[in-house]
Amino acid sequence: MSGAAQDGSAGAGPAPGSGPGAATDTDFFVRFWGVRGSVACPSPETVRYGGNTSALEIRAGGRILLFDAGTGIRYLGRTLAKEAPLDVDLFLTHTHFDHVCGLPFFGPFFDPRNRFRLHAGHLAPERDLRYVLSEMMMAPLFPVPLEIFGARLSFHDFTCGDVLTPYPDITVRTAALNHPDRATGYRVEFGGRAICYVTDTEHVAGKPDRNILELIEGADIAIYDAMYTDAEHGCRIGWGHSTWQEGARLCTAAGVRTYVVFHHDPDHDDDFMDGVAREVAEVCPGAVVAREGLVLRP
């Protein structure tokens, strides 16, 4: 397993060569703005890997695709604001709070020059995406409603397993994940390369998830919910998350080029994550532990 090209460092900020005007017609990369699960945990003990919850930016030939909207999306918004007017697709794995709580603080949503298409494939027929986000931004939980945003927002619910084509040269494949209230995994294909985003999901010991194996088969980069270790998982069954060891097993079986450990437990500080990095490197040479600011190119 060889590694993808890397750039960037801890701390959510622009990476060299990927700012406004830097993209080319063939450039394809993922940048991490939030890598934690469950709850944001910024502290001196998490500064190297970061303490924000899930938020990813993928650029494909100059197009912008965002994945999840945890607290990390607030910092992403500061960078994107410099590129207005924006025309962006945002894909949600699911709407648990740690994956959507950054939306009310995402600056580009307040700019009327911008347009965003929000996608989700996990919701039951009686609850569409607009309804769920409106409920989140409702008194007494939040002081202003969804309608406060000045940007043009549209909401697109799909069925897990659908193949989406946000642009003629970009394909987004989807698969159902094993998570309370359901979740969606994504595979972004562009220019003969593929980046997969698979979080939140729980594995069954000894039974590799066929949905995931099919989704990540031969991918250049696979970002996986590695919240726990195998030793921790036994007393957390039913919580909806997996382990870095299971991610390694899946990526090895699927022939993934670069496995990315993601969705770190908020109780796993930098020293703990350094230990995970050492262990996963022994099992999957070229594997990467996600950190804020990291950029990976297939």
C-alpha atoms as a PDB file:
ATOM      1  CA  MET A   1       0.000   0.000   0.000  1.00  0.00           C
ATOM      2  CA  SER A   2       1.713   3.192  -1.204  1.00  0.00           C
ATOM      3  CA  GLY A   3       0.925   6.660   0.083  1.00  0.00           C
ATOM      4  CA  ALA A   4      -0.831   9.565  -1.604  1.00  0.00           C
ATOM      5  CA  ALA A   5       0.967  12.871  -2.079  1.00  0.00           C
ATOM      6  CA  GLN A   6       0.651  14.926   1.103  1.00  0.00           C
ATOM      7  CA  ASP A   7       0.693  18.609   1.910  1.00  0.00           C
ATOM      8  CA  GLY A   8      -0.485  20.782   4.777  1.00  0.00           C
ATOM      9  CA  SER A   9      -0.040  20.537   8.524  1.00  0.00           C
ATOM     10  CA  ALA A  10      -2.009  20.577  11.772  1.00  0.00           C
ATOM     11  CA  GLY A  11      -4.251  23.593  12.222  1.00  0.00           C
ATOM     12  CA  ALA A  12      -7.127  24.426   9.895  1.00  0.00           C
ATOM     13  CA  GLY A  13      -5.650  26.812   7.379  1.00  0.00           C
ATOM     14  CA  PRO A  14      -5.014  27.060   3.666  1.00  0.00           C
ATOM     15  CA  ALA A  15      -2.558  24.572   2.228  1.00  0.00           C
ATOM     16  CA  PRO A  16       0.159  25.712  -0.164  1.00  0.00           C
ATOM     17  CA  GLY A  17      -0.860  25.458  -3.786  1.00  0.00           C
ATOM     18  CA  SER A  18      -4.560  24.964  -3.079  1.00  0.00           C
ATOM     19  CA  GLY A  19      -5.836  28.482  -2.475  1.00  0.00           C
ATOM     20  CA  PRO A  20      -7.928  30.669  -4.788  1.00  0.00           C
ATOM     21  CA  GLY A  21      -6.802  30.403  -8.392  1.00  0.00           C
ATOM     22  CA  ALA A  22      -4.460  27.473  -7.706  1.00  0.00           C
ATOM     23  CA  ALA A  23      -6.652  24.667  -9.061  1.00  0.00           C
ATOM     24  CA  THR A  24      -6.100  23.225 -12.538  1.00  0.00           C
ATOM     25  CA  ASP A  25      -8.443  21.341 -14.847  1.00  0.00           C
ATOM     26  CA  THR A  26      -6.967  18.040 -13.647  1.00  0.00           C
ATOM     27  CA  ASP A  27      -6.189  18.805  -9.989  1.00  0.00           C
ATOM     28  CA  PHE A  28      -7.882  16.463  -7.518  1.00  0.00           C
ATOM     29  CA  PHE A  29      -7.367  16.560  -3.777  1.00  0.00           C
ATOM     30  CA  VAL A  30      -9.003  16.301  -0.366  1.00  0.00           C
ATOM     31  CA  ARG A  31      -8.319  18.690   2.483  1.00  0.00           C
ATOM     32  CA  PHE A  32      -9.272  17.988   6.112  1.00  0.00           C
ATOM     33  CA  TRP A  33     -10.879  20.748   8.193  1.00  0.00           C
ATOM     34  CA  GLY A  34     -12.304  18.582  10.997  1.00  0.00           C
ATOM     35  CA  VAL A  35     -11.224  15.049  11.920  1.00  0.00           C
ATOM     36  CA  ARG A  36     -12.897  14.307  15.290  1.00  0.00           C
ATOM     37  CA  GLY A  37     -16.041  12.397  16.138  1.00  0.00           C
ATOM     38  CA  SER A  38     -18.882  13.055  18.600  1.00  0.00           C
ATOM     39  CA  VAL A  39     -17.848  16.430  20.031  1.00  0.00           C
ATOM     40  CA  ALA A  40     -15.274  19.117  19.358  1.00  0.00           C
ATOM     41  CA  CYS A  41     -12.324  18.882  21.736  1.00  0.00           C
ATOM     42  CA  PRO A  42      -9.835  21.725  21.109  1.00  0.00           C
ATOM     43  CA  SER A  43      -7.116  21.726  23.752  1.00  0.00           C
ATOM     44  CA  PRO A  44      -3.323  21.715  24.086  1.00  0.00           C
ATOM     45  CA  GLU A  45      -3.567  17.904  24.022  1.00  0.00           C
ATOM     46  CA  THR A  46      -5.203  17.816  20.555  1.00  0.00           C
ATOM     47  CA  VAL A  47      -3.385  20.620  18.762  1.00  0.00           C
ATOM     48  CA  ARG A  48      -1.331  18.402  16.435  1.00  0.00           C
ATOM     49  CA  TYR A  49      -4.239  16.449  14.999  1.00  0.00           C
ATOM     50  CA  GLY A  50      -6.984  18.984  15.668  1.00  0.00           C
ATOM     51  CA  GLY A  51     -10.134  19.078  17.756  1.00  0.00           C
ATOM     52  CA  ASN A  52     -12.880  19.991  15.256  1.00  0.00           C
ATOM     53  CA  THR A  53     -15.585  17.589  14.109  1.00  0.00           C
ATOM     54  CA  SER A  54     -15.957  16.226  10.592  1.00  0.00           C
ATOM     55  CA  ALA A  55     -15.567  18.533   7.598  1.00  0.00           C
ATOM     56  CA  LEU A  56     -13.816  17.762   4.307  1.00  0.00           C
ATOM     57  CA  GLU A  57     -13.156  19.725   1.134  1.00  0.00           C
ATOM     58  CA  ILE A  58     -12.606  17.969  -2.194  1.00  0.00           C
ATOM     59  CA  ARG A  59     -11.510  19.873  -5.280  1.00  0.00           C
ATOM     60  CA  ALA A  60     -11.917  18.173  -8.637  1.00  0.00           C
ATOM     61  CA  GLY A  61     -10.856  20.162 -11.681  1.00  0.00           C
ATOM     62  CA  GLY A  62     -11.711  23.402  -9.911  1.00  0.00           C
ATOM     63  CA  ARG A  63     -15.140  22.188  -8.740  1.00  0.00           C
ATOM     64  CA  ILE A  64     -15.781  22.304  -4.982  1.00  0.00           C
ATOM     65  CA  LEU A  65     -17.420  19.382  -3.191  1.00  0.00           C
ATOM     66  CA  LEU A  66     -17.782  19.538   0.596  1.00  0.00           C
ATOM     67  CA  PHE A  67     -18.473  16.564   2.856  1.00  0.00           C
ATOM     68  CA  ASP A  68     -20.088  16.969   6.271  1.00  0.00           C
ATOM     69  CA  ALA A  69     -20.475  20.166   8.249  1.00  0.00           C
ATOM     70  CA  GLY A  70     -19.047  19.692  11.711  1.00  0.00           C
ATOM     71  CA  THR A  71     -17.278  22.487  13.560  1.00  0.00           C
ATOM     72  CA  GLY A  72     -14.391  22.355  11.083  1.00  0.00           C
ATOM     73  CA  ILE A  73     -16.567  23.869   8.349  1.00  0.00           C
ATOM     74  CA  ARG A  74     -16.452  27.241  10.105  1.00  0.00           C
ATOM     75  CA  TYR A  75     -12.733  27.532   9.327  1.00  0.00           C
ATOM     76  CA  LEU A  76     -13.263  26.295   5.787  1.00  0.00           C
ATOM     77  CA  GLY A  77     -15.830  29.048   5.348  1.00  0.00           C
ATOM     78  CA  ARG A  78     -13.240  31.727   6.074  1.00  0.00           C
ATOM     79  CA  THR A  79     -11.140  30.496   3.153  1.00  0.00           C
ATOM     80  CA  LEU A  80     -14.044  29.969   0.757  1.00  0.00           C
ATOM     81  CA  ALA A  81     -15.350  33.481   1.441  1.00  0.00           C
ATOM     82  CA  LYS A  82     -12.398  34.825  -0.550  1.00  0.00           C
ATOM     83  CA  GLU A  83     -13.589  32.927  -3.642  1.00  0.00           C
ATOM     84  CA  ALA A  84     -17.155  34.285  -3.865  1.00  0.00           C
ATOM     85  CA  PRO A  85     -19.314  33.951  -5.827  1.00  0.00           C
ATOM     86  CA  LEU A  86     -19.400  30.239  -5.042  1.00  0.00           C
ATOM     87  CA  ASP A  87     -21.252  27.345  -6.686  1.00  0.00           C
ATOM     88  CA  VAL A  88     -20.775  24.354  -4.360  1.00  0.00           C
ATOM     89  CA  ASP A  89     -22.179  20.906  -3.567  1.00  0.00           C
ATOM     90  CA  LEU A  90     -22.298  19.800   0.085  1.00  0.00           C
ATOM     91  CA  PHE A  91     -22.829  16.092   0.820  1.00  0.00           C
ATOM     92  CA  LEU A  92     -23.801  14.922   4.298  1.00  0.00           C
ATOM     93  CA  THR A  93     -23.098  11.412   5.551  1.00  0.00           C
ATOM     94  CA  HIS A  94     -25.912  11.905   8.066  1.00  0.00           C
ATOM     95  CA  THR A  95     -27.395  14.594  10.295  1.00  0.00           C
ATOM     96  CA  HIS A  96     -26.156  13.655  13.751  1.00  0.00           C
ATOM     97  CA  PHE A  97     -25.219  16.869  15.507  1.00  0.00           C
ATOM     98  CA  ASP A  98     -21.443  16.536  15.267  1.00  0.00           C
ATOM     99  CA  HIS A  99     -21.734  16.394  11.467  1.00  0.00           C
ATOM    100  CA  VAL A 100     -24.039  19.406  10.979  1.00  0.00           C
ATOM    101  CA  CYS A 101     -23.439  21.730  13.947  1.00  0.00           C
ATOM    102  CA  GLY A 102     -21.072  23.934  11.947  1.00  0.00           C
ATOM    103  CA  LEU A 103     -23.677  24.924   9.363  1.00  0.00           C
ATOM    104  CA  PRO A 104     -25.131  27.919  11.263  1.00  0.00           C
ATOM    105  CA  PHE A 105     -21.596  29.331  11.522  1.00  0.00           C
ATOM    106  CA  PHE A 106     -20.555  28.763   7.902  1.00  0.00           C
ATOM    107  CA  GLY A 107     -19.915  32.272   6.596  1.00  0.00           C
ATOM    108  CA  PRO A 108     -20.553  31.645   2.863  1.00  0.00           C
ATOM    109  CA  PHE A 109     -24.170  30.721   3.650  1.00  0.00           C
ATOM    110  CA  PHE A 110     -24.791  34.389   4.511  1.00  0.00           C
ATOM    111  CA  ASP A 111     -23.500  35.761   1.183  1.00  0.00           C
ATOM    112  CA  PRO A 112     -26.302  36.182  -1.419  1.00  0.00           C
ATOM    113  CA  ARG A 113     -23.764  35.816  -4.243  1.00  0.00           C
ATOM    114  CA  ASN A 114     -23.302  32.134  -3.385  1.00  0.00           C
ATOM    115  CA  ARG A 115     -25.203  29.004  -4.358  1.00  0.00           C
ATOM    116  CA  PHE A 116     -25.116  25.690  -2.456  1.00  0.00           C
ATOM    117  CA  ARG A 117     -26.746  22.345  -3.187  1.00  0.00           C
ATOM    118  CA  LEU A 118     -27.091  20.194  -0.039  1.00  0.00           C
ATOM    119  CA  HIS A 119     -27.351  16.421  -0.491  1.00  0.00           C
ATOM    120  CA  ALA A 120     -28.302  13.590   1.903  1.00  0.00           C
ATOM    121  CA  GLY A 121     -29.277   9.966   1.366  1.00  0.00           C
ATOM    122  CA  HIS A 122     -29.944   8.644   4.858  1.00  0.00           C
ATOM    123  CA  LEU A 123     -33.236  10.220   5.871  1.00  0.00           C
ATOM    124  CA  ALA A 124     -36.565   8.437   6.153  1.00  0.00           C
ATOM    125  CA  PRO A 125     -39.298   9.508   3.705  1.00  0.00           C
ATOM    126  CA  GLU A 126     -41.133  11.487   6.371  1.00  0.00           C
ATOM    127  CA  ARG A 127     -38.070  13.624   7.198  1.00  0.00           C
ATOM    128  CA  ASP A 128     -36.293  15.357   4.346  1.00  0.00           C
ATOM    129  CA  LEU A 129     -33.056  17.287   4.700  1.00  0.00           C
ATOM    130  CA  ARG A 130     -34.578  20.745   4.777  1.00  0.00           C
ATOM    131  CA  TYR A 131     -36.966  19.690   7.536  1.00  0.00           C
ATOM    132  CA  VAL A 132     -34.180  18.254   9.711  1.00  0.00           C
ATOM    133  CA  LEU A 133     -31.924  21.302   9.406  1.00  0.00           C
ATOM    134  CA  SER A 134     -34.867  23.613  10.055  1.00  0.00           C
ATOM    135  CA  GLU A 135     -35.630  21.681  13.249  1.00  0.00           C
ATOM    136  CA  MET A 136     -32.012  22.084  14.345  1.00  0.00           C
ATOM    137  CA  MET A 137     -32.170  25.863  13.849  1.00  0.00           C
ATOM    138  CA  MET A 138     -35.369  26.375  15.806  1.00  0.00           C
ATOM    139  CA  ALA A 139     -36.074  28.050  19.148  1.00  0.00           C
ATOM    140  CA  PRO A 140     -35.308  27.276  21.896  1.00  0.00           C
ATOM    141  CA  LEU A 141     -32.336  25.326  20.473  1.00  0.00           C
ATOM    142  CA  PHE A 142     -31.086  28.112  18.201  1.00  0.00           C
ATOM    143  CA  PRO A 143     -31.835  31.856  18.054  1.00  0.00           C
ATOM    144  CA  VAL A 144     -32.315  32.297  14.271  1.00  0.00           C
ATOM    145  CA  PRO A 145     -34.060  30.092  11.664  1.00  0.00           C
ATOM    146  CA  LEU A 146     -32.697  28.489   8.505  1.00  0.00           C
ATOM    147  CA  GLU A 147     -34.158  31.367   6.504  1.00  0.00           C
ATOM    148  CA  ILE A 148     -31.491  33.719   7.914  1.00  0.00           C
ATOM    149  CA  PHE A 149     -29.076  32.558   5.212  1.00  0.00           C
ATOM    150  CA  GLY A 150     -28.707  34.885   2.233  1.00  0.00           C
ATOM    151  CA  ALA A 151     -27.129  32.354  -0.144  1.00  0.00           C
ATOM    152  CA  ARG A 152     -29.284  30.337  -2.506  1.00  0.00           C
ATOM    153  CA  LEU A 153     -29.663  26.932  -0.867  1.00  0.00           C
ATOM    154  CA  SER A 154     -31.346  23.915  -2.434  1.00  0.00           C
ATOM    155  CA  PHE A 155     -31.927  20.544  -0.767  1.00  0.00           C
ATOM    156  CA  HIS A 156     -31.548  17.221  -2.543  1.00  0.00           C
ATOM    157  CA  ASP A 157     -32.534  13.920  -0.912  1.00  0.00           C
ATOM    158  CA  PHE A 158     -31.437  10.724  -2.636  1.00  0.00           C
ATOM    159  CA  THR A 159     -31.539   6.998  -1.891  1.00  0.00           C
ATOM    160  CA  CYS A 160     -28.398   5.248  -0.640  1.00  0.00           C
ATOM    161  CA  GLY A 161     -26.955   3.304  -3.550  1.00  0.00           C
ATOM    162  CA  ASP A 162     -27.762   6.007  -6.097  1.00  0.00           C
ATOM    163  CA  VAL A 163     -25.025   7.181  -8.456  1.00  0.00           C
ATOM    164  CA  LEU A 164     -24.862  10.975  -8.537  1.00  0.00           C
ATOM    165  CA  THR A 165     -23.355  13.156 -11.279  1.00  0.00           C
ATOM    166  CA  PRO A 166     -23.010  16.688  -9.900  1.00  0.00           C
ATOM    167  CA  TYR A 167     -20.920  17.529 -12.995  1.00  0.00           C
ATOM    168  CA  PRO A 168     -20.429  15.644 -16.279  1.00  0.00           C
ATOM    169  CA  ASP A 169     -16.840  14.695 -15.397  1.00  0.00           C
ATOM    170  CA  ILE A 170     -17.457  13.872 -11.691  1.00  0.00           C
ATOM    171  CA  THR A 171     -19.256  10.755 -10.444  1.00  0.00           C
ATOM    172  CA  VAL A 172     -20.294  10.322  -6.807  1.00  0.00           C
ATOM    173  CA  ARG A 173     -21.190   6.744  -5.872  1.00  0.00           C
ATOM    174  CA  THR A 174     -23.041   6.088  -2.618  1.00  0.00           C
ATOM    175  CA  ALA A 175     -23.557   3.176  -0.232  1.00  0.00           C
ATOM    176  CA  ALA A 176     -25.494   2.570   2.965  1.00  0.00           C
ATOM    177  CA  LEU A 177     -23.472   2.383   6.190  1.00  0.00           C
ATOM    178  CA  ASN A 178     -24.240   0.656   9.502  1.00  0.00           C
ATOM    179  CA  HIS A 179     -25.018   3.529  11.867  1.00  0.00           C
ATOM    180  CA  PRO A 180     -27.923   4.532  14.164  1.00  0.00           C
ATOM    181  CA  ASP A 181     -30.416   6.620  12.115  1.00  0.00           C
ATOM    182  CA  ARG A 182     -28.523   5.510   8.977  1.00  0.00           C
ATOM    183  CA  ALA A 183     -25.573   7.085   7.163  1.00  0.00           C
ATOM    184  CA  THR A 184     -24.130   7.244   3.655  1.00  0.00           C
ATOM    185  CA  GLY A 185     -20.645   6.480   2.356  1.00  0.00           C
ATOM    186  CA  TYR A 186     -19.313   8.273  -0.729  1.00  0.00           C
ATOM    187  CA  ARG A 187     -16.884   7.553  -3.572  1.00  0.00           C
ATOM    188  CA  VAL A 188     -15.841  10.554  -5.686  1.00  0.00           C
ATOM    189  CA  GLU A 189     -14.448   9.638  -9.111  1.00  0.00           C
ATOM    190  CA  PHE A 190     -12.637  12.143 -11.301  1.00  0.00           C
ATOM    191  CA  GLY A 191     -10.059  11.742 -14.059  1.00  0.00           C
ATOM    192  CA  GLY A 192      -9.680   8.015 -13.484  1.00  0.00           C
ATOM    193  CA  ARG A 193      -8.992   8.456  -9.755  1.00  0.00           C
ATOM    194  CA  ALA A 194     -11.165   7.895  -6.688  1.00  0.00           C
ATOM    195  CA  ILE A 195     -11.432   9.327  -3.156  1.00  0.00           C
ATOM    196  CA  CYS A 196     -13.765   7.519  -0.732  1.00  0.00           C
ATOM    197  CA  TYR A 197     -15.295   8.899   2.453  1.00  0.00           C
ATOM    198  CA  VAL A 198     -16.707   6.222   4.774  1.00  0.00           C
ATOM    199  CA  THR A 199     -17.889   7.477   8.171  1.00  0.00           C
ATOM    200  CA  ASP A 200     -19.880   6.778  10.442  1.00  0.00           C
ATOM    201  CA  THR A 201     -20.183   2.989  10.358  1.00  0.00           C
ATOM    202  CA  GLU A 202     -19.919  -0.001  12.692  1.00  0.00           C
ATOM    203  CA  HIS A 203     -18.399  -3.278  11.619  1.00  0.00           C
ATOM    204  CA  VAL A 204     -19.305  -6.780  12.754  1.00  0.00           C
ATOM    205  CA  ALA A 205     -16.215  -8.675  13.902  1.00  0.00           C
ATOM    206  CA  GLY A 206     -15.122 -11.261  11.366  1.00  0.00           C
ATOM    207  CA  LYS A 207     -17.682 -10.148   8.760  1.00  0.00           C
ATOM    208  CA  PRO A 208     -16.274  -7.538   6.357  1.00  0.00           C
ATOM    209  CA  ASP A 209     -18.962  -5.108   5.183  1.00  0.00           C
ATOM    210  CA  ARG A 210     -19.634  -5.927   1.526  1.00  0.00           C
ATOM    211  CA  ASN A 211     -21.173  -2.505   0.872  1.00  0.00           C
ATOM    212  CA  ILE A 212     -17.958  -0.831   1.960  1.00  0.00           C
ATOM    213  CA  LEU A 213     -15.671  -3.258   0.135  1.00  0.00           C
ATOM    214  CA  GLU A 214     -17.526  -2.605  -3.113  1.00  0.00           C
ATOM    215  CA  LEU A 215     -17.492   1.153  -2.564  1.00  0.00           C
ATOM    216  CA  ILE A 216     -13.749   1.418  -1.874  1.00  0.00           C
ATOM    217  CA  GLU A 217     -12.533  -1.265  -4.304  1.00  0.00           C
ATOM    218  CA  GLY A 218      -9.304  -0.053  -5.960  1.00  0.00           C
ATOM    219  CA  ALA A 219      -9.673   3.498  -4.598  1.00  0.00           C
ATOM    220  CA  ASP A 220      -6.679   5.821  -4.465  1.00  0.00           C
ATOM    221  CA  ILE A 221      -7.709   7.183  -1.045  1.00  0.00           C
ATOM    222  CA  ALA A 222     -10.186   5.724   1.467  1.00  0.00           C
ATOM    223  CA  ILE A 223     -11.062   7.784   4.554  1.00  0.00           C
ATOM    224  CA  TYR A 224     -12.539   5.484   7.194  1.00  0.00           C
ATOM    225  CA  ASP A 225     -14.296   5.734  10.562  1.00  0.00           C
ATOM    226  CA  ALA A 226     -11.510   4.504  12.867  1.00  0.00           C
ATOM    227  CA  MET A 227     -12.859   5.969  16.084  1.00  0.00           C
ATOM    228  CA  TYR A 228     -11.806   3.075  18.322  1.00  0.00           C
ATOM    229  CA  THR A 229      -9.219   0.366  18.605  1.00  0.00           C
ATOM    230  CA  ASP A 230     -10.226  -3.284  18.405  1.00  0.00           C
ATOM    231  CA  ALA A 231      -9.638  -3.521  22.154  1.00  0.00           C
ATOM    232  CA  GLU A 232     -12.027  -0.614  22.836  1.00  0.00           C
ATOM    233  CA  HIS A 233     -14.749  -1.700  20.431  1.00  0.00           C
ATOM    234  CA  GLY A 234     -15.955  -4.665  22.476  1.00  0.00           C
ATOM    235  CA  CYS A 235     -17.602  -2.460  25.105  1.00  0.00           C
ATOM    236  CA  ARG A 236     -18.953   0.027  22.536  1.00  0.00           C
ATOM    237  CA  ILE A 237     -20.957  -2.285  20.309  1.00  0.00           C
ATOM    238  CA  GLY A 238     -24.079  -0.540  19.057  1.00  0.00           C
ATOM    239  CA  TRP A 239     -22.527   2.914  19.198  1.00  0.00           C
ATOM    240  CA  GLY A 240     -22.170   3.028  15.414  1.00  0.00           C
ATOM    241  CA  HIS A 241     -18.395   3.248  14.934  1.00  0.00           C
ATOM    242  CA  SER A 242     -15.498   1.110  13.808  1.00  0.00           C
ATOM    243  CA  THR A 243     -11.763   0.687  14.476  1.00  0.00           C
ATOM    244  CA  TRP A 244      -8.523   1.558  12.759  1.00  0.00           C
ATOM    245  CA  GLN A 245      -7.700  -2.137  12.556  1.00  0.00           C
ATOM    246  CA  GLU A 246     -10.958  -2.917  10.706  1.00  0.00           C
ATOM    247  CA  GLY A 247     -10.238  -0.037   8.346  1.00  0.00           C
ATOM    248  CA  ALA A 248      -6.827  -1.548   7.630  1.00  0.00           C
ATOM    249  CA  ARG A 249      -8.381  -4.953   6.965  1.00  0.00           C
ATOM    250  CA  LEU A 250     -10.971  -3.495   4.585  1.00  0.00           C
ATOM    251  CA  CYS A 251      -8.502  -1.306   2.689  1.00  0.00           C
ATOM    252  CA  THR A 252      -6.044  -4.167   2.294  1.00  0.00           C
ATOM    253  CA  ALA A 253      -8.760  -6.498   1.009  1.00  0.00           C
ATOM    254  CA  ALA A 254     -10.067  -3.833  -1.409  1.00  0.00           C
ATOM    255  CA  GLY A 255      -6.654  -2.876  -2.787  1.00  0.00           C
ATOM    256  CA  VAL A 256      -6.875   0.728  -1.596  1.00  0.00           C
ATOM    257  CA  ARG A 257      -3.751   2.759  -2.304  1.00  0.00           C
ATOM    258  CA  THR A 258      -3.896   5.057   0.771  1.00  0.00           C
ATOM    259  CA  TYR A 259      -5.876   4.296   3.916  1.00  0.00           C
ATOM    260  CA  VAL A 260      -6.746   7.334   6.059  1.00  0.00           C
ATOM    261  CA  VAL A 261      -7.594   6.912   9.759  1.00  0.00           C
ATOM    262  CA  PHE A 262     -10.428   9.357  10.546  1.00  0.00           C
ATOM    263  CA  HIS A 263     -13.150  10.371  13.054  1.00  0.00           C
ATOM    264  CA  HIS A 264     -10.851  10.249  16.072  1.00  0.00           C
ATOM    265  CA  ASP A 265     -12.340   9.696  19.508  1.00  0.00           C
ATOM    266  CA  PRO A 266     -12.318  13.010  21.443  1.00  0.00           C
ATOM    267  CA  ASP A 267     -10.627  11.173  24.320  1.00  0.00           C
ATOM    268  CA  HIS A 268      -7.705  10.161  22.103  1.00  0.00           C
ATOM    269  CA  ASP A 269      -5.133  12.927  22.550  1.00  0.00           C
ATOM    270  CA  ASP A 270      -2.146  13.659  20.297  1.00  0.00           C
ATOM    271  CA  ASP A 271       0.112  11.171  22.059  1.00  0.00           C
ATOM    272  CA  PHE A 272      -2.505   8.433  21.655  1.00  0.00           C
ATOM    273  CA  MET A 273      -2.897   9.285  17.960  1.00  0.00           C
ATOM    274  CA  ASP A 274       0.880   9.187  17.492  1.00  0.00           C
ATOM    275  CA  GLY A 275       0.716   5.633  18.801  1.00  0.00           C
ATOM    276  CA  VAL A 276      -2.050   4.771  16.327  1.00  0.00           C
ATOM    277  CA  ALA A 277       0.055   6.253  13.519  1.00  0.00           C
ATOM    278  CA  ARG A 278       2.988   4.023  14.425  1.00  0.00           C
ATOM    279  CA  GLU A 279       0.845   0.905  14.679  1.00  0.00           C
ATOM    280  CA  VAL A 280      -1.123   1.442  11.478  1.00  0.00           C
ATOM    281  CA  ALA A 281       2.093   2.132   9.547  1.00  0.00           C
ATOM    282  CA  GLU A 282       3.292  -1.349  10.471  1.00  0.00           C
ATOM    283  CA  VAL A 283       0.076  -2.964   9.231  1.00  0.00           C
ATOM    284  CA  CYS A 284      -0.527  -0.738   6.190  1.00  0.00           C
ATOM    285  CA  PRO A 285       2.627   1.000   4.951  1.00  0.00           C
ATOM    286  CA  GLY A 286       1.662   4.381   3.537  1.00  0.00           C
ATOM    287  CA  ALA A 287      -1.435   4.725   5.721  1.00  0.00           C
ATOM    288  CA  VAL A 288      -2.156   8.204   7.088  1.00  0.00           C
ATOM    289  CA  VAL A 289      -3.771   9.473  10.283  1.00  0.00           C
ATOM    290  CA  ALA A 290      -5.964  12.459   9.389  1.00  0.00           C
ATOM    291  CA  ARG A 291      -5.154  15.838  10.904  1.00  0.00           C
ATOM    292  CA  GLU A 292      -6.574  19.294  10.325  1.00  0.00           C
ATOM    293  CA  GLY A 293      -4.933  21.058   7.397  1.00  0.00           C
ATOM    294  CA  LEU A 294      -3.741  17.840   5.765  1.00  0.00           C
ATOM    295  CA  VAL A 295      -4.067  17.713   1.971  1.00  0.00           C
ATOM    296  CA  LEU A 296      -3.899  14.425   0.068  1.00  0.00           C
ATOM    297  CA  ARG A 297      -3.679  14.047  -3.704  1.00  0.00           C
ATOM    298  CA  PRO A 298      -4.233  10.667  -5.411  1.00  0.00           C
END
